Amino acid sequence: MLERRWEEVQQLLDDLTHSQQQHTQSKKVLLDNLLCALRQESSEEALKTSLDRTVSYLQEVKHSCRQGVSDQWEVLAHLPSLLLDELLSYSNNLSSFYHLNHTYTLVTTSTTPTDQ
């Protein structure tokens, strides 16, 4: 069961990575075109416009890469709870198999201050 969950997480990460790589590759092509246009500009005004467009596009690429990393971290953030669920299930199955009364359960603690 744990192996299957790990494979699901790994597949999600692989899918996100693959999608980000494809997205980045398409952006690199457009960036190459913008840089080529930048090199060919002759007037100062056209050069400035082309440079502004290129810088703006680089900001979009940067944002896109950050979003991709954020998406991967979001997947990884669920990993501890998946592992905990699996451990609790394992504990329950062992206790049931060996007819034990004790099983581990998730204990939550209150984070609200108590009146003293």
N, C-alpha and C. Protein backbone atom coordinates (compact mmCIF):
# COMPACT_ATOMS: atom_id res chain seq x y z
N MET A 1 0.83 -1.19 0.00
CA MET A 1 0.00 0.00 0.00
C MET A 1 0.87 1.26 0.00
N LEU A 2 1.89 1.27 0.86
CA LEU A 2 2.78 2.43 0.93
C LEU A 2 3.52 2.62 -0.39
N GLU A 3 3.93 1.52 -0.98
CA GLU A 3 4.64 1.60 -2.26
C GLU A 3 3.74 2.21 -3.33
N ARG A 4 2.48 1.83 -3.33
CA ARG A 4 1.54 2.37 -4.31
C ARG A 4 1.35 3.88 -4.11
N ARG A 5 1.24 4.29 -2.87
CA ARG A 5 1.08 5.72 -2.59
C ARG A 5 2.34 6.49 -2.99
N TRP A 6 3.50 5.90 -2.70
CA TRP A 6 4.75 6.55 -3.08
C TRP A 6 4.83 6.69 -4.59
N GLU A 7 4.41 5.65 -5.31
CA GLU A 7 4.42 5.71 -6.77
C GLU A 7 3.46 6.78 -7.29
N GLU A 8 2.32 6.95 -6.63
CA GLU A 8 1.37 8.00 -7.02
C GLU A 8 1.99 9.39 -6.84
N VAL A 9 2.66 9.58 -5.71
CA VAL A 9 3.31 10.87 -5.45
C VAL A 9 4.41 11.10 -6.48
N GLN A 10 5.20 10.06 -6.73
CA GLN A 10 6.29 10.18 -7.70
C GLN A 10 5.73 10.49 -9.09
N GLN A 11 4.62 9.86 -9.45
CA GLN A 11 4.01 10.11 -10.75
C GLN A 11 3.51 11.55 -10.85
N LEU A 12 2.90 12.05 -9.78
CA LEU A 12 2.46 13.45 -9.77
C LEU A 12 3.64 14.40 -9.96
N LEU A 13 4.72 14.12 -9.25
CA LEU A 13 5.92 14.97 -9.39
C LEU A 13 6.50 14.88 -10.79
N ASP A 14 6.53 13.67 -11.34
CA ASP A 14 7.05 13.50 -12.71
C ASP A 14 6.18 14.23 -13.72
N ASP A 15 4.86 14.15 -13.54
CA ASP A 15 3.94 14.86 -14.45
C ASP A 15 4.14 16.37 -14.37
N LEU A 16 4.29 16.88 -13.15
CA LEU A 16 4.52 18.31 -12.98
C LEU A 16 5.85 18.73 -13.62
N THR A 17 6.88 17.93 -13.41
CA THR A 17 8.19 18.24 -13.98
C THR A 17 8.14 18.22 -15.50
N HIS A 18 7.51 17.20 -16.04
CA HIS A 18 7.41 17.09 -17.50
C HIS A 18 6.63 18.26 -18.09
N SER A 19 5.53 18.61 -17.45
CA SER A 19 4.72 19.74 -17.92
C SER A 19 5.53 21.04 -17.85
N GLN A 20 6.25 21.23 -16.76
CA GLN A 20 7.07 22.44 -16.61
C GLN A 20 8.17 22.49 -17.65
N GLN A 21 8.79 21.34 -17.94
CA GLN A 21 9.85 21.30 -18.95
C GLN A 21 9.31 21.65 -20.33
N GLN A 22 8.14 21.12 -20.67
CA GLN A 22 7.53 21.45 -21.97
C GLN A 22 7.20 22.93 -22.04
N HIS A 23 6.66 23.44 -20.96
CA HIS A 23 6.29 24.86 -20.91
C HIS A 23 7.54 25.73 -21.05
N THR A 24 8.58 25.37 -20.34
CA THR A 24 9.84 26.12 -20.38
C THR A 24 10.46 26.07 -21.77
N GLN A 25 10.40 24.91 -22.40
CA GLN A 25 10.97 24.75 -23.74
C GLN A 25 10.25 25.66 -24.74
N SER A 26 8.93 25.72 -24.66
CA SER A 26 8.19 26.59 -25.58
C SER A 26 8.51 28.06 -25.30
N LYS A 27 8.71 28.39 -24.05
CA LYS A 27 9.06 29.77 -23.70
C LYS A 27 10.47 30.11 -24.18
N LYS A 28 11.38 29.14 -24.17
CA LYS A 28 12.74 29.38 -24.66
C LYS A 28 12.74 29.73 -26.14
N VAL A 29 11.86 29.09 -26.90
CA VAL A 29 11.77 29.37 -28.34
C VAL A 29 11.34 30.82 -28.54
N LEU A 30 10.31 31.24 -27.84
CA LEU A 30 9.85 32.63 -27.97
C LEU A 30 10.91 33.61 -27.48
N LEU A 31 11.61 33.25 -26.41
CA LEU A 31 12.68 34.11 -25.90
C LEU A 31 13.80 34.25 -26.93
N ASP A 32 14.15 33.15 -27.59
CA ASP A 32 15.16 33.22 -28.65
C ASP A 32 14.74 34.18 -29.76
N ASN A 33 13.46 34.13 -30.11
CA ASN A 33 12.94 35.04 -31.13
C ASN A 33 13.01 36.50 -30.67
N LEU A 34 12.67 36.72 -29.40
CA LEU A 34 12.74 38.09 -28.87
C LEU A 34 14.19 38.59 -28.84
N LEU A 35 15.11 37.73 -28.46
CA LEU A 35 16.53 38.13 -28.43
C LEU A 35 17.07 38.38 -29.84
N CYS A 36 16.63 37.58 -30.79
CA CYS A 36 17.03 37.78 -32.18
C CYS A 36 16.52 39.14 -32.68
N ALA A 37 15.27 39.46 -32.36
CA ALA A 37 14.71 40.76 -32.76
C ALA A 37 15.46 41.89 -32.07
N LEU A 38 15.83 41.67 -30.83
CA LEU A 38 16.57 42.68 -30.08
C LEU A 38 17.92 42.98 -30.75
N ARG A 39 18.59 41.95 -31.19
CA ARG A 39 19.89 42.13 -31.84
C ARG A 39 19.77 42.85 -33.19
N GLN A 40 18.60 42.77 -33.82
CA GLN A 40 18.44 43.34 -35.16
C GLN A 40 17.90 44.76 -35.15
N GLU A 41 17.50 45.25 -34.00
CA GLU A 41 16.95 46.61 -33.93
C GLU A 41 18.06 47.63 -34.21
N SER A 42 17.68 48.69 -34.90
CA SER A 42 18.69 49.70 -35.25
C SER A 42 18.44 51.04 -34.55
N SER A 43 17.19 51.40 -34.36
CA SER A 43 16.94 52.69 -33.71
C SER A 43 16.89 52.51 -32.19
N GLU A 44 17.19 53.58 -31.51
CA GLU A 44 17.21 53.52 -30.05
C GLU A 44 15.82 53.21 -29.49
N GLU A 45 14.80 53.82 -30.06
CA GLU A 45 13.43 53.60 -29.58
C GLU A 45 13.00 52.15 -29.81
N ALA A 46 13.28 51.61 -30.99
CA ALA A 46 12.93 50.22 -31.28
C ALA A 46 13.72 49.27 -30.39
N LEU A 47 14.96 49.59 -30.13
CA LEU A 47 15.80 48.78 -29.25
C LEU A 47 15.23 48.77 -27.83
N LYS A 48 14.83 49.96 -27.36
CA LYS A 48 14.26 50.04 -26.01
C LYS A 48 12.95 49.26 -25.93
N THR A 49 12.11 49.37 -26.91
CA THR A 49 10.83 48.64 -26.93
C THR A 49 11.08 47.13 -26.93
N SER A 50 12.00 46.70 -27.77
CA SER A 50 12.33 45.28 -27.85
C SER A 50 12.93 44.78 -26.54
N LEU A 51 13.79 45.56 -25.93
CA LEU A 51 14.39 45.20 -24.65
C LEU A 51 13.34 45.11 -23.56
N ASP A 52 12.42 46.06 -23.52
CA ASP A 52 11.34 46.03 -22.53
C ASP A 52 10.48 44.78 -22.69
N ARG A 53 10.17 44.44 -23.93
CA ARG A 53 9.39 43.23 -24.21
C ARG A 53 10.12 41.98 -23.72
N THR A 54 11.43 41.94 -23.97
CA THR A 54 12.24 40.79 -23.57
C THR A 54 12.30 40.67 -22.05
N VAL A 55 12.52 41.79 -21.38
CA VAL A 55 12.59 41.78 -19.91
C VAL A 55 11.25 41.36 -19.32
N SER A 56 10.17 41.87 -19.88
CA SER A 56 8.84 41.50 -19.41
C SER A 56 8.60 40.00 -19.58
N TYR A 57 9.01 39.48 -20.71
CA TYR A 57 8.83 38.06 -20.97
C TYR A 57 9.67 37.22 -20.02
N LEU A 58 10.88 37.67 -19.72
CA LEU A 58 11.72 36.95 -18.75
C LEU A 58 11.07 36.93 -17.37
N GLN A 59 10.38 38.00 -17.01
CA GLN A 59 9.66 38.02 -15.74
C GLN A 59 8.54 36.98 -15.74
N GLU A 60 7.86 36.82 -16.88
CA GLU A 60 6.82 35.80 -17.00
C GLU A 60 7.41 34.41 -16.84
N VAL A 61 8.58 34.17 -17.45
CA VAL A 61 9.25 32.88 -17.35
C VAL A 61 9.62 32.61 -15.89
N LYS A 62 10.15 33.61 -15.23
CA LYS A 62 10.54 33.48 -13.82
C LYS A 62 9.32 33.12 -12.97
N HIS A 63 8.22 33.81 -13.19
CA HIS A 63 6.98 33.54 -12.45
C HIS A 63 6.50 32.11 -12.72
N SER A 64 6.57 31.71 -13.97
CA SER A 64 6.14 30.37 -14.36
C SER A 64 6.98 29.29 -13.67
N CYS A 65 8.28 29.51 -13.61
CA CYS A 65 9.18 28.54 -12.95
C CYS A 65 8.89 28.48 -11.45
N ARG A 66 8.66 29.64 -10.85
CA ARG A 66 8.34 29.65 -9.43
C ARG A 66 7.02 28.92 -9.15
N GLN A 67 6.06 29.09 -10.04
CA GLN A 67 4.79 28.40 -9.86
C GLN A 67 4.97 26.90 -9.98
N GLY A 68 5.82 26.46 -10.91
CA GLY A 68 6.10 25.03 -11.06
C GLY A 68 6.72 24.44 -9.80
N VAL A 69 7.66 25.16 -9.21
CA VAL A 69 8.29 24.70 -7.96
C VAL A 69 7.26 24.68 -6.83
N SER A 70 6.43 25.70 -6.78
CA SER A 70 5.38 25.77 -5.77
C SER A 70 4.42 24.58 -5.89
N ASP A 71 4.05 24.23 -7.11
CA ASP A 71 3.17 23.08 -7.33
C ASP A 71 3.82 21.78 -6.85
N GLN A 72 5.14 21.64 -7.08
CA GLN A 72 5.84 20.44 -6.61
C GLN A 72 5.89 20.40 -5.09
N TRP A 73 6.14 21.54 -4.46
CA TRP A 73 6.17 21.59 -2.99
C TRP A 73 4.80 21.25 -2.41
N GLU A 74 3.75 21.66 -3.10
CA GLU A 74 2.40 21.35 -2.63
C GLU A 74 2.17 19.84 -2.60
N VAL A 75 2.63 19.16 -3.63
CA VAL A 75 2.53 17.69 -3.66
C VAL A 75 3.33 17.09 -2.50
N LEU A 76 4.55 17.57 -2.32
CA LEU A 76 5.41 17.03 -1.27
C LEU A 76 4.87 17.33 0.13
N ALA A 77 4.15 18.42 0.27
CA ALA A 77 3.60 18.78 1.58
C ALA A 77 2.58 17.74 2.08
N HIS A 78 1.98 17.01 1.16
CA HIS A 78 1.00 15.98 1.54
C HIS A 78 1.67 14.66 1.93
N LEU A 79 2.93 14.53 1.66
CA LEU A 79 3.64 13.27 1.91
C LEU A 79 3.62 12.87 3.39
N PRO A 80 3.91 13.76 4.34
CA PRO A 80 3.87 13.33 5.74
C PRO A 80 2.51 12.78 6.17
N SER A 81 1.43 13.41 5.73
CA SER A 81 0.11 12.91 6.13
C SER A 81 -0.18 11.56 5.47
N LEU A 82 0.30 11.36 4.25
CA LEU A 82 0.13 10.06 3.61
C LEU A 82 0.88 8.97 4.38
N LEU A 83 2.10 9.29 4.80
CA LEU A 83 2.88 8.33 5.57
C LEU A 83 2.23 8.04 6.92
N LEU A 84 1.73 9.07 7.57
CA LEU A 84 1.06 8.88 8.85
C LEU A 84 -0.18 8.01 8.69
N ASP A 85 -0.97 8.28 7.68
CA ASP A 85 -2.16 7.46 7.42
C ASP A 85 -1.77 6.00 7.22
N GLU A 86 -0.70 5.78 6.49
CA GLU A 86 -0.24 4.42 6.23
C GLU A 86 0.24 3.75 7.51
N LEU A 87 0.97 4.47 8.34
CA LEU A 87 1.44 3.91 9.61
C LEU A 87 0.27 3.57 10.54
N LEU A 88 -0.72 4.45 10.59
CA LEU A 88 -1.89 4.18 11.42
C LEU A 88 -2.67 2.97 10.91
N SER A 89 -2.77 2.85 9.62
CA SER A 89 -3.45 1.69 9.03
C SER A 89 -2.68 0.41 9.35
N TYR A 90 -1.37 0.47 9.25
CA TYR A 90 -0.52 -0.67 9.55
C TYR A 90 -0.68 -1.08 11.02
N SER A 91 -0.70 -0.11 11.91
CA SER A 91 -0.89 -0.37 13.33
C SER A 91 -2.23 -1.04 13.58
N ASN A 92 -3.25 -0.54 12.95
CA ASN A 92 -4.59 -1.10 13.10
C ASN A 92 -4.64 -2.54 12.58
N ASN A 93 -4.03 -2.78 11.43
CA ASN A 93 -4.03 -4.13 10.86
C ASN A 93 -3.27 -5.11 11.74
N LEU A 94 -2.13 -4.70 12.28
CA LEU A 94 -1.37 -5.57 13.19
C LEU A 94 -2.17 -5.88 14.45
N SER A 95 -2.76 -4.86 15.02
CA SER A 95 -3.55 -5.05 16.24
C SER A 95 -4.73 -5.98 15.99
N SER A 96 -5.34 -5.82 14.86
CA SER A 96 -6.46 -6.68 14.50
C SER A 96 -6.00 -8.12 14.28
N PHE A 97 -4.91 -8.29 13.58
CA PHE A 97 -4.39 -9.63 13.27
C PHE A 97 -4.00 -10.38 14.53
N TYR A 98 -3.33 -9.67 15.46
CA TYR A 98 -2.86 -10.32 16.69
C TYR A 98 -3.86 -10.15 17.85
N HIS A 99 -5.05 -9.65 17.56
CA HIS A 99 -6.10 -9.46 18.56
C HIS A 99 -5.62 -8.62 19.74
N LEU A 100 -5.00 -7.52 19.42
CA LEU A 100 -4.52 -6.60 20.45
C LEU A 100 -5.54 -5.50 20.67
N ASN A 101 -5.60 -5.02 21.89
CA ASN A 101 -6.53 -3.93 22.19
C ASN A 101 -5.93 -2.58 21.85
N HIS A 102 -4.62 -2.51 21.85
CA HIS A 102 -3.94 -1.22 21.67
C HIS A 102 -3.66 -0.96 20.19
N THR A 103 -4.08 0.19 19.73
CA THR A 103 -3.69 0.66 18.40
C THR A 103 -3.29 2.11 18.53
N TYR A 104 -2.43 2.53 17.66
CA TYR A 104 -2.04 3.94 17.64
C TYR A 104 -3.10 4.73 16.91
N THR A 105 -3.41 5.85 17.45
CA THR A 105 -4.37 6.74 16.80
C THR A 105 -3.77 8.13 16.74
N LEU A 106 -4.29 8.91 15.88
CA LEU A 106 -3.83 10.28 15.73
C LEU A 106 -4.39 11.11 16.88
N VAL A 107 -3.50 11.71 17.63
CA VAL A 107 -3.89 12.56 18.75
C VAL A 107 -3.62 14.00 18.35
N THR A 108 -4.65 14.80 18.37
CA THR A 108 -4.47 16.21 18.04
C THR A 108 -4.45 17.00 19.33
N THR A 109 -3.64 18.01 19.34
CA THR A 109 -3.56 18.87 20.51
C THR A 109 -4.16 20.22 20.17
N SER A 110 -4.79 20.78 21.13
CA SER A 110 -5.40 22.09 20.94
C SER A 110 -4.32 23.16 20.97
N THR A 111 -4.40 24.09 20.07
CA THR A 111 -3.43 25.18 20.03
C THR A 111 -4.00 26.45 20.62
N THR A 112 -5.19 26.37 21.19
CA THR A 112 -5.78 27.57 21.79
C THR A 112 -5.30 27.69 23.23
N PRO A 113 -5.01 28.89 23.65
CA PRO A 113 -4.52 29.07 25.03
C PRO A 113 -5.63 28.77 26.04
N THR A 114 -5.22 28.22 27.15
CA THR A 114 -6.20 27.94 28.21
C THR A 114 -6.17 29.07 29.22
N ASP A 115 -7.30 29.29 29.86
CA ASP A 115 -7.38 30.33 30.89
C ASP A 115 -6.71 29.83 32.15
N GLN A 116 -5.91 30.67 32.75
CA GLN A 116 -5.23 30.28 34.00
C GLN A 116 -5.68 31.14 35.13
